PDB file of all heavy atoms in Angstrom:
ATOM      1  N   VAL A   1      12.079  30.053 124.780  1.00  0.00           N
ATOM      2  CA  VAL A   1      12.468  29.999 123.375  1.00  0.00           C
ATOM      3  C   VAL A   1      13.091  31.334 122.977  1.00  0.00           C
ATOM      4  O   VAL A   1      12.523  32.393 123.238  1.00  0.00           O
ATOM      5  CB  VAL A   1      11.237  29.713 122.484  1.00  0.00           C
ATOM      6  CG1 VAL A   1      11.603  29.737 121.016  1.00  0.00           C
ATOM      7  CG2 VAL A   1      10.597  28.385 122.874  1.00  0.00           C
ATOM      8  N   GLU A   2      14.262  31.280 122.367  1.00  0.00           N
ATOM      9  CA  GLU A   2      14.941  32.485 121.889  1.00  0.00           C
ATOM     10  C   GLU A   2      14.919  32.585 120.368  1.00  0.00           C
ATOM     11  O   GLU A   2      15.052  33.664 119.812  1.00  0.00           O
ATOM     12  CB  GLU A   2      16.386  32.505 122.384  1.00  0.00           C
ATOM     13  CG  GLU A   2      16.488  32.620 123.889  1.00  0.00           C
ATOM     14  CD  GLU A   2      17.921  32.631 124.381  1.00  0.00           C
ATOM     15  OE1 GLU A   2      18.852  32.673 123.554  1.00  0.00           O
ATOM     16  OE2 GLU A   2      18.103  32.606 125.606  1.00  0.00           O
ATOM     17  N   ASP A   3      14.757  31.448 119.680  1.00  0.00           N
ATOM     18  CA  ASP A   3      14.760  31.416 118.216  1.00  0.00           C
ATOM     19  C   ASP A   3      13.451  30.768 117.760  1.00  0.00           C
ATOM     20  O   ASP A   3      13.284  29.555 117.880  1.00  0.00           O
ATOM     21  CB  ASP A   3      15.977  30.617 117.728  1.00  0.00           C
ATOM     22  CG  ASP A   3      16.218  30.759 116.236  1.00  0.00           C
ATOM     23  OD1 ASP A   3      15.468  31.505 115.577  1.00  0.00           O
ATOM     24  OD2 ASP A   3      17.144  30.124 115.730  1.00  0.00           O
ATOM     25  N   PRO A   4      12.489  31.556 117.258  1.00  0.00           N
ATOM     26  CA  PRO A   4      11.181  31.012 116.902  1.00  0.00           C
ATOM     27  C   PRO A   4      11.253  30.044 115.723  1.00  0.00           C
ATOM     28  O   PRO A   4      12.163  30.112 114.900  1.00  0.00           O
ATOM     29  CB  PRO A   4      10.376  32.249 116.536  1.00  0.00           C
ATOM     30  CG  PRO A   4      11.383  33.233 116.060  1.00  0.00           C
ATOM     31  CD  PRO A   4      12.615  32.968 116.887  1.00  0.00           C
ATOM     32  N   GLY A   5      10.283  29.140 115.671  1.00  0.00           N
ATOM     33  CA  GLY A   5      10.207  28.206 114.553  1.00  0.00           C
ATOM     34  C   GLY A   5       9.659  26.868 115.001  1.00  0.00           C
ATOM     35  O   GLY A   5       9.146  26.719 116.098  1.00  0.00           O
ATOM     36  N   THR A   6       9.779  25.881 114.122  1.00  0.00           N
ATOM     37  CA  THR A   6       9.307  24.536 114.405  1.00  0.00           C
ATOM     38  C   THR A   6      10.453  23.703 114.944  1.00  0.00           C
ATOM     39  O   THR A   6      11.544  23.693 114.385  1.00  0.00           O
ATOM     40  CB  THR A   6       8.722  23.892 113.136  1.00  0.00           C
ATOM     41  OG1 THR A   6       7.644  24.698 112.669  1.00  0.00           O
ATOM     42  CG2 THR A   6       8.207  22.483 113.415  1.00  0.00           C
ATOM     43  N   TYR A   7      10.180  23.008 116.039  1.00  0.00           N
ATOM     44  CA  TYR A   7      11.172  22.171 116.703  1.00  0.00           C
ATOM     45  C   TYR A   7      10.650  20.741 116.778  1.00  0.00           C
ATOM     46  O   TYR A   7       9.442  20.518 116.780  1.00  0.00           O
ATOM     47  CB  TYR A   7      11.413  22.666 118.136  1.00  0.00           C
ATOM     48  CG  TYR A   7      12.192  23.952 118.216  1.00  0.00           C
ATOM     49  CD1 TYR A   7      11.614  25.173 117.904  1.00  0.00           C
ATOM     50  CD2 TYR A   7      13.528  23.949 118.620  1.00  0.00           C
ATOM     51  CE1 TYR A   7      12.337  26.361 117.988  1.00  0.00           C
ATOM     52  CE2 TYR A   7      14.259  25.124 118.708  1.00  0.00           C
ATOM     53  CZ  TYR A   7      13.655  26.315 118.385  1.00  0.00           C
ATOM     54  OH  TYR A   7      14.382  27.480 118.474  1.00  0.00           O
ATOM     55  N   LYS A   8      11.567  19.784 116.868  1.00  0.00           N
ATOM     56  CA  LYS A   8      11.175  18.395 117.100  1.00  0.00           C
ATOM     57  C   LYS A   8      11.850  17.917 118.367  1.00  0.00           C
ATOM     58  O   LYS A   8      12.967  18.324 118.690  1.00  0.00           O
ATOM     59  CB  LYS A   8      11.521  17.500 115.911  1.00  0.00           C
ATOM     60  CG  LYS A   8      12.995  17.362 115.637  1.00  0.00           C
ATOM     61  CD  LYS A   8      13.223  16.452 114.435  1.00  0.00           C
ATOM     62  CE  LYS A   8      14.708  16.348 114.142  1.00  0.00           C
ATOM     63  NZ  LYS A   8      14.981  15.471 113.006  1.00  0.00           N
ATOM     64  N   CYS A   9      11.159  17.047 119.086  1.00  0.00           N
ATOM     65  CA  CYS A   9      11.721  16.516 120.326  1.00  0.00           C
ATOM     66  C   CYS A   9      12.387  15.181 120.048  1.00  0.00           C
ATOM     67  O   CYS A   9      12.427  14.701 118.910  1.00  0.00           O
ATOM     68  CB  CYS A   9      10.653  16.411 121.402  1.00  0.00           C
ATOM     69  SG  CYS A   9       9.439  15.106 121.149  1.00  0.00           S
ATOM     70  N   GLU A  10      12.898  14.564 121.103  1.00  0.00           N
ATOM     71  CA  GLU A  10      13.621  13.299 120.962  1.00  0.00           C
ATOM     72  C   GLU A  10      12.725  12.188 120.421  1.00  0.00           C
ATOM     73  O   GLU A  10      13.203  11.203 119.872  1.00  0.00           O
ATOM     74  CB  GLU A  10      14.225  12.903 122.309  1.00  0.00           C
ATOM     75  CG  GLU A  10      15.279  13.901 122.765  1.00  0.00           C
ATOM     76  CD  GLU A  10      15.664  13.754 124.219  1.00  0.00           C
ATOM     77  OE1 GLU A  10      14.755  13.661 125.069  1.00  0.00           O
ATOM     78  OE2 GLU A  10      16.868  13.722 124.500  1.00  0.00           O
ATOM     79  N   ASP A  11      11.410  12.362 120.546  1.00  0.00           N
ATOM     80  CA  ASP A  11      10.441  11.379 120.065  1.00  0.00           C
ATOM     81  C   ASP A  11       9.966  11.723 118.639  1.00  0.00           C
ATOM     82  O   ASP A  11       9.051  11.112 118.127  1.00  0.00           O
ATOM     83  CB  ASP A  11       9.256  11.349 121.033  1.00  0.00           C
ATOM     84  CG  ASP A  11       8.376  10.138 120.843  1.00  0.00           C
ATOM     85  OD1 ASP A  11       8.903   9.062 120.534  1.00  0.00           O
ATOM     86  OD2 ASP A  11       7.143  10.266 120.996  1.00  0.00           O
ATOM     87  N   ASN A  12      10.566  12.761 118.042  1.00  0.00           N
ATOM     88  CA  ASN A  12      10.234  13.262 116.698  1.00  0.00           C
ATOM     89  C   ASN A  12       8.873  13.939 116.606  1.00  0.00           C
ATOM     90  O   ASN A  12       8.372  14.152 115.504  1.00  0.00           O
ATOM     91  CB  ASN A  12      10.366  12.182 115.624  1.00  0.00           C
ATOM     92  CG  ASN A  12      11.791  12.036 115.160  1.00  0.00           C
ATOM     93  OD1 ASN A  12      12.558  12.995 115.144  1.00  0.00           O
ATOM     94  ND2 ASN A  12      12.166  10.831 114.781  1.00  0.00           N
ATOM     95  N   SER A  13       8.258  14.261 117.744  1.00  0.00           N
ATOM     96  CA  SER A  13       7.056  15.091 117.715  1.00  0.00           C
ATOM     97  C   SER A  13       7.482  16.502 117.360  1.00  0.00           C
ATOM     98  O   SER A  13       8.557  16.954 117.752  1.00  0.00           O
ATOM     99  CB  SER A  13       6.372  15.097 119.085  1.00  0.00           C
ATOM    100  OG  SER A  13       5.914  13.806 119.402  1.00  0.00           O
ATOM    101  N   ARG A  14       6.652  17.225 116.607  1.00  0.00           N
ATOM    102  CA  ARG A  14       6.993  18.588 116.188  1.00  0.00           C
ATOM    103  C   ARG A  14       6.039  19.588 116.820  1.00  0.00           C
ATOM    104  O   ARG A  14       4.866  19.303 117.020  1.00  0.00           O
ATOM    105  CB  ARG A  14       6.946  18.690 114.669  1.00  0.00           C
ATOM    106  CG  ARG A  14       8.141  18.026 114.019  1.00  0.00           C
ATOM    107  CD  ARG A  14       8.018  18.016 112.515  1.00  0.00           C
ATOM    108  NE  ARG A  14       9.234  17.648 111.815  1.00  0.00           N
ATOM    109  CZ  ARG A  14       9.829  16.476 111.853  1.00  0.00           C
ATOM    110  NH1 ARG A  14       9.339  15.518 112.612  1.00  0.00           N
ATOM    111  NH2 ARG A  14      10.921  16.240 111.153  1.00  0.00           N
ATOM    112  N   TRP A  15       6.582  20.776 117.119  1.00  0.00           N
ATOM    113  CA  TRP A  15       5.799  21.838 117.742  1.00  0.00           C
ATOM    114  C   TRP A  15       6.378  23.165 117.291  1.00  0.00           C
ATOM    115  O   TRP A  15       7.595  23.307 117.176  1.00  0.00           O
ATOM    116  CB  TRP A  15       5.893  21.718 119.261  1.00  0.00           C
ATOM    117  CG  TRP A  15       4.732  22.356 119.957  1.00  0.00           C
ATOM    118  CD1 TRP A  15       4.710  23.586 120.552  1.00  0.00           C
ATOM    119  CD2 TRP A  15       3.432  21.810 120.140  1.00  0.00           C
ATOM    120  NE1 TRP A  15       3.484  23.835 121.085  1.00  0.00           N
ATOM    121  CE2 TRP A  15       2.665  22.749 120.845  1.00  0.00           C
ATOM    122  CE3 TRP A  15       2.828  20.615 119.763  1.00  0.00           C
ATOM    123  CZ2 TRP A  15       1.340  22.537 121.178  1.00  0.00           C
ATOM    124  CZ3 TRP A  15       1.519  20.404 120.109  1.00  0.00           C
ATOM    125  CH2 TRP A  15       0.789  21.362 120.811  1.00  0.00           C
ATOM    126  N   THR A  16       5.506  24.145 117.048  1.00  0.00           N
ATOM    127  CA  THR A  16       5.964  25.462 116.626  1.00  0.00           C
ATOM    128  C   THR A  16       5.948  26.410 117.816  1.00  0.00           C
ATOM    129  O   THR A  16       4.953  26.487 118.538  1.00  0.00           O
ATOM    130  CB  THR A  16       5.071  26.010 115.492  1.00  0.00           C
ATOM    131  OG1 THR A  16       5.127  25.087 114.398  1.00  0.00           O
ATOM    132  CG2 THR A  16       5.551  27.364 115.017  1.00  0.00           C
ATOM    133  N   TYR A  17       7.069  27.108 118.009  1.00  0.00           N
ATOM    134  CA  TYR A  17       7.244  28.021 119.137  1.00  0.00           C
ATOM    135  C   TYR A  17       7.539  29.435 118.664  1.00  0.00           C
ATOM    136  O   TYR A  17       8.128  29.636 117.611  1.00  0.00           O
ATOM    137  CB  TYR A  17       8.420  27.565 120.012  1.00  0.00           C
ATOM    138  CG  TYR A  17       8.182  26.289 120.764  1.00  0.00           C
ATOM    139  CD1 TYR A  17       8.709  25.086 120.300  1.00  0.00           C
ATOM    140  CD2 TYR A  17       7.450  26.281 121.939  1.00  0.00           C
ATOM    141  CE1 TYR A  17       8.507  23.902 121.000  1.00  0.00           C
ATOM    142  CE2 TYR A  17       7.239  25.107 122.638  1.00  0.00           C
ATOM    143  CZ  TYR A  17       7.776  23.921 122.164  1.00  0.00           C
ATOM    144  OH  TYR A  17       7.570  22.763 122.861  1.00  0.00           O
ATOM    145  N   ASN A  18       7.144  30.403 119.486  1.00  0.00           N
ATOM    146  CA  ASN A  18       7.468  31.819 119.287  1.00  0.00           C
ATOM    147  C   ASN A  18       8.452  32.258 120.367  1.00  0.00           C
ATOM    148  O   ASN A  18       8.561  31.602 121.410  1.00  0.00           O
ATOM    149  CB  ASN A  18       6.200  32.681 119.382  1.00  0.00           C
ATOM    150  CG  ASN A  18       5.239  32.386 118.255  1.00  0.00           C
ATOM    151  OD1 ASN A  18       5.613  32.434 117.089  1.00  0.00           O
ATOM    152  ND2 ASN A  18       4.008  32.065 118.599  1.00  0.00           N
ATOM    153  N   VAL A  19       9.125  33.379 120.136  1.00  0.00           N
ATOM    154  CA  VAL A  19      10.048  33.922 121.135  1.00  0.00           C
ATOM    155  C   VAL A  19       9.297  34.137 122.451  1.00  0.00           C
ATOM    156  O   VAL A  19       8.187  34.672 122.456  1.00  0.00           O
ATOM    157  CB  VAL A  19      10.667  35.251 120.647  1.00  0.00           C
ATOM    158  CG1 VAL A  19      11.477  35.913 121.756  1.00  0.00           C
ATOM    159  CG2 VAL A  19      11.543  35.028 119.429  1.00  0.00           C
ATOM    160  N   GLY A  20       9.886  33.698 123.546  1.00  0.00           N
ATOM    161  CA  GLY A  20       9.284  33.863 124.863  1.00  0.00           C
ATOM    162  C   GLY A  20       8.440  32.681 125.306  1.00  0.00           C
ATOM    163  O   GLY A  20       8.114  32.560 126.485  1.00  0.00           O
ATOM    164  N   ASP A  21       8.053  31.798 124.361  1.00  0.00           N
ATOM    165  CA  ASP A  21       7.346  30.574 124.754  1.00  0.00           C
ATOM    166  C   ASP A  21       8.268  29.726 125.613  1.00  0.00           C
ATOM    167  O   ASP A  21       9.481  29.902 125.611  1.00  0.00           O
ATOM    168  CB  ASP A  21       6.936  29.751 123.527  1.00  0.00           C
ATOM    169  CG  ASP A  21       5.796  30.360 122.724  1.00  0.00           C
ATOM    170  OD1 ASP A  21       5.151  31.306 123.209  1.00  0.00           O
ATOM    171  OD2 ASP A  21       5.564  29.873 121.600  1.00  0.00           O
ATOM    172  N   GLU A  22       7.691  28.783 126.320  1.00  0.00           N
ATOM    173  CA  GLU A  22       8.472  27.853 127.124  1.00  0.00           C
ATOM    174  C   GLU A  22       8.417  26.485 126.459  1.00  0.00           C
ATOM    175  O   GLU A  22       7.339  26.015 126.096  1.00  0.00           O
ATOM    176  CB  GLU A  22       7.878  27.785 128.531  1.00  0.00           C
ATOM    177  CG  GLU A  22       8.751  27.099 129.531  1.00  0.00           C
ATOM    178  CD  GLU A  22       8.184  27.224 130.928  1.00  0.00           C
ATOM    179  OE1 GLU A  22       8.334  28.297 131.533  1.00  0.00           O
ATOM    180  OE2 GLU A  22       7.595  26.233 131.400  1.00  0.00           O
ATOM    181  N   PHE A  23       9.593  25.863 126.270  1.00  0.00           N
ATOM    182  CA  PHE A  23       9.607  24.523 125.694  1.00  0.00           C
ATOM    183  C   PHE A  23       8.815  23.593 126.597  1.00  0.00           C
ATOM    184  O   PHE A  23       9.031  23.551 127.809  1.00  0.00           O
ATOM    185  CB  PHE A  23      11.043  23.999 125.531  1.00  0.00           C
ATOM    186  CG  PHE A  23      11.789  24.649 124.400  1.00  0.00           C
ATOM    187  CD1 PHE A  23      12.800  25.555 124.646  1.00  0.00           C
ATOM    188  CD2 PHE A  23      11.479  24.353 123.079  1.00  0.00           C
ATOM    189  CE1 PHE A  23      13.506  26.148 123.609  1.00  0.00           C
ATOM    190  CE2 PHE A  23      12.164  24.946 122.032  1.00  0.00           C
ATOM    191  CZ  PHE A  23      13.179  25.845 122.299  1.00  0.00           C
ATOM    192  N   ARG A  24       7.900  22.849 126.010  1.00  0.00           N
ATOM    193  CA  ARG A  24       7.017  21.954 126.764  1.00  0.00           C
ATOM    194  C   ARG A  24       7.632  20.567 126.897  1.00  0.00           C
ATOM    195  O   ARG A  24       8.644  20.261 126.270  1.00  0.00           O
ATOM    196  CB  ARG A  24       5.665  21.872 126.074  1.00  0.00           C
ATOM    197  CG  ARG A  24       5.759  21.369 124.627  1.00  0.00           C
ATOM    198  CD  ARG A  24       4.428  21.264 123.955  1.00  0.00           C
ATOM    199  NE  ARG A  24       3.745  20.094 124.485  1.00  0.00           N
ATOM    200  CZ  ARG A  24       2.464  19.844 124.323  1.00  0.00           C
ATOM    201  NH1 ARG A  24       1.712  20.655 123.651  1.00  0.00           N
ATOM    202  NH2 ARG A  24       1.912  18.767 124.826  1.00  0.00           N
ATOM    203  N   ALA A  25       6.976  19.734 127.678  1.00  0.00           N
ATOM    204  CA  ALA A  25       7.358  18.328 127.761  1.00  0.00           C
ATOM    205  C   ALA A  25       6.991  17.650 126.442  1.00  0.00           C
ATOM    206  O   ALA A  25       6.211  18.184 125.653  1.00  0.00           O
ATOM    207  CB  ALA A  25       6.630  17.666 128.919  1.00  0.00           C
ATOM    208  N   CYS A  26       7.505  16.480 126.195  1.00  0.00           N
ATOM    209  CA  CYS A  26       7.209  15.744 124.973  1.00  0.00           C
ATOM    210  C   CYS A  26       5.701  15.486 124.888  1.00  0.00           C
ATOM    211  O   CYS A  26       5.103  14.967 125.833  1.00  0.00           O
ATOM    212  CB  CYS A  26       7.961  14.416 124.960  1.00  0.00           C
ATOM    213  SG  CYS A  26       7.543  13.362 123.565  1.00  0.00           S
ATOM    214  N   PRO A  27       5.064  15.865 123.776  1.00  0.00           N
ATOM    215  CA  PRO A  27       3.617  15.639 123.635  1.00  0.00           C
ATOM    216  C   PRO A  27       3.248  14.153 123.647  1.00  0.00           C
ATOM    217  O   PRO A  27       2.145  13.804 124.043  1.00  0.00           O
ATOM    218  CB  PRO A  27       3.273  16.247 122.267  1.00  0.00           C
ATOM    219  CG  PRO A  27       4.401  17.131 121.913  1.00  0.00           C
ATOM    220  CD  PRO A  27       5.606  16.592 122.624  1.00  0.00           C
ATOM    221  N   SER A  28       4.158  13.280 123.243  1.00  0.00           N
ATOM    222  CA  SER A  28       3.869  11.837 123.191  1.00  0.00           C
ATOM    223  C   SER A  28       4.029  11.156 124.541  1.00  0.00           C
ATOM    224  O   SER A  28       3.218  10.310 124.911  1.00  0.00           O
ATOM    225  CB  SER A  28       4.788  11.150 122.185  1.00  0.00           C
ATOM    226  OG  SER A  28       4.583  11.668 120.898  1.00  0.00           O
ATOM    227  N   THR A  29       5.099  11.520 125.270  1.00  0.00           N
ATOM    228  CA  THR A  29       5.406  10.817 126.521  1.00  0.00           C
ATOM    229  C   THR A  29       5.069  11.615 127.772  1.00  0.00           C
ATOM    230  O   THR A  29       4.945  11.048 128.844  1.00  0.00           O
ATOM    231  CB  THR A  29       6.902  10.460 126.581  1.00  0.00           C
ATOM    232  OG1 THR A  29       7.658  11.677 126.670  1.00  0.00           O
ATOM    233  CG2 THR A  29       7.336   9.660 125.360  1.00  0.00           C
ATOM    234  N   GLY A  30       4.966  12.951 127.634  1.00  0.00           N
ATOM    235  CA  GLY A  30       4.715  13.800 128.795  1.00  0.00           C
ATOM    236  C   GLY A  30       5.947  14.017 129.658  1.00  0.00           C
ATOM    237  O   GLY A  30       5.869  14.611 130.726  1.00  0.00           O
ATOM    238  N   LYS A  31       7.096  13.552 129.184  1.00  0.00           N
ATOM    239  CA  LYS A  31       8.339  13.663 129.960  1.00  0.00           C
ATOM    240  C   LYS A  31       9.196  14.819 129.447  1.00  0.00           C
ATOM    241  O   LYS A  31       9.097  15.205 128.289  1.00  0.00           O
ATOM    242  CB  LYS A  31       9.127  12.362 129.858  1.00  0.00           C
ATOM    243  CG  LYS A  31       8.401  11.192 130.480  1.00  0.00           C
ATOM    244  CD  LYS A  31       9.208   9.933 130.370  1.00  0.00           C
ATOM    245  CE  LYS A  31       8.457   8.778 131.016  1.00  0.00           C
ATOM    246  NZ  LYS A  31       9.196   7.526 130.924  1.00  0.00           N
ATOM    247  N   PRO A  32      10.073  15.368 130.305  1.00  0.00           N
ATOM    248  CA  PRO A  32      11.005  16.410 129.859  1.00  0.00           C
ATOM    249  C   PRO A  32      11.830  15.900 128.681  1.00  0.00           C
ATOM    250  O   PRO A  32      12.150  14.700 128.612  1.00  0.00           O
ATOM    251  CB  PRO A  32      11.886  16.660 131.080  1.00  0.00           C
ATOM    252  CG  PRO A  32      11.050  16.234 132.246  1.00  0.00           C
ATOM    253  CD  PRO A  32      10.239  15.070 131.727  1.00  0.00           C
ATOM    254  N   THR A  33      12.159  16.799 127.770  1.00  0.00           N
ATOM    255  CA  THR A  33      12.869  16.403 126.564  1.00  0.00           C
ATOM    256  C   THR A  33      13.752  17.532 126.054  1.00  0.00           C
ATOM    257  O   THR A  33      13.728  18.631 126.600  1.00  0.00           O
ATOM    258  CB  THR A  33      11.853  15.971 125.470  1.00  0.00           C
ATOM    259  OG1 THR A  33      12.549  15.387 124.373  1.00  0.00           O
ATOM    260  CG2 THR A  33      11.022  17.147 124.976  1.00  0.00           C
ATOM    261  N   VAL A  34      14.515  17.248 125.021  1.00  0.00           N
ATOM    262  CA  VAL A  34      15.323  18.250 124.332  1.00  0.00           C
ATOM    263  C   VAL A  34      14.653  18.510 122.983  1.00  0.00           C
ATOM    264  O   VAL A  34      14.289  17.569 122.270  1.00  0.00           O
ATOM    265  CB  VAL A  34      16.772  17.749 124.117  1.00  0.00           C
ATOM    266  CG1 VAL A  34      17.556  18.728 123.254  1.00  0.00           C
ATOM    267  CG2 VAL A  34      17.464  17.551 125.451  1.00  0.00           C
ATOM    268  N   TRP A  35      14.483  19.787 122.662  1.00  0.00           N
ATOM    269  CA  TRP A  35      13.884  20.198 121.391  1.00  0.00           C
ATOM    270  C   TRP A  35      14.970  20.729 120.473  1.00  0.00           C
ATOM    271  O   TRP A  35      15.835  21.472 120.907  1.00  0.00           O
ATOM    272  CB  TRP A  35      12.846  21.293 121.640  1.00  0.00           C
ATOM    273  CG  TRP A  35      11.631  20.786 122.357  1.00  0.00           C
ATOM    274  CD1 TRP A  35      11.437  20.735 123.707  1.00  0.00           C
ATOM    275  CD2 TRP A  35      10.455  20.262 121.772  1.00  0.00           C
ATOM    276  NE1 TRP A  35      10.209  20.203 123.993  1.00  0.00           N
ATOM    277  CE2 TRP A  35       9.576  19.914 122.815  1.00  0.00           C
ATOM    278  CE3 TRP A  35      10.049  20.054 120.457  1.00  0.00           C
ATOM    279  CZ2 TRP A  35       8.322  19.366 122.591  1.00  0.00           C
ATOM    280  CZ3 TRP A  35       8.783  19.512 120.236  1.00  0.00           C
ATOM    281  CH2 TRP A  35       7.938  19.170 121.298  1.00  0.00           C
ATOM    282  N   GLU A  36      14.922  20.347 119.201  1.00  0.00           N
ATOM    283  CA  GLU A  36      15.888  20.804 118.202  1.00  0.00           C
ATOM    284  C   GLU A  36      15.127  21.434 117.047  1.00  0.00           C
ATOM    285  O   GLU A  36      14.157  20.865 116.543  1.00  0.00           O
ATOM    286  CB  GLU A  36      16.708  19.624 117.701  1.00  0.00           C
ATOM    287  CG  GLU A  36      17.762  20.008 116.697  1.00  0.00           C
ATOM    288  CD  GLU A  36      18.609  18.820 116.301  1.00  0.00           C
ATOM    289  OE1 GLU A  36      19.403  18.347 117.149  1.00  0.00           O
ATOM    290  OE2 GLU A  36      18.466  18.362 115.153  1.00  0.00           O
ATOM    291  N   LYS A  37      15.577  22.626 116.634  1.00  0.00           N
ATOM    292  CA  LYS A  37      14.892  23.339 115.558  1.00  0.00           C
ATOM    293  C   LYS A  37      15.020  22.564 114.253  1.00  0.00           C
ATOM    294  O   LYS A  37      16.064  22.024 113.934  1.00  0.00           O
ATOM    295  CB  LYS A  37      15.455  24.744 115.386  1.00  0.00           C
ATOM    296  CG  LYS A  37      14.605  25.600 114.477  1.00  0.00           C
ATOM    297  CD  LYS A  37      15.048  27.037 114.488  1.00  0.00           C
ATOM    298  CE  LYS A  37      14.115  27.880 113.642  1.00  0.00           C
ATOM    299  NZ  LYS A  37      14.553  29.261 113.582  1.00  0.00           N
ATOM    300  N   THR A  38      13.924  22.522 113.512  1.00  0.00           N
ATOM    301  CA  THR A  38      13.889  21.841 112.228  1.00  0.00           C
ATOM    302  C   THR A  38      13.407  22.809 111.157  1.00  0.00           C
ATOM    303  O   THR A  38      12.739  23.791 111.464  1.00  0.00           O
ATOM    304  CB  THR A  38      12.978  20.591 112.270  1.00  0.00           C
ATOM    305  OG1 THR A  38      12.950  20.013 110.969  1.00  0.00           O
ATOM    306  CG2 THR A  38      11.571  20.931 112.683  1.00  0.00           C
TER     307      THR A  38
END
């Protein structure tokens, strides 16, 4: 993560990240996903 804040994945699950965190898999499906800042 380079830009801290709250992100949502393709499944609309939300997660808050800090700089240096690693984007996780989707909390709902456990599969790799794309996160978009919200």
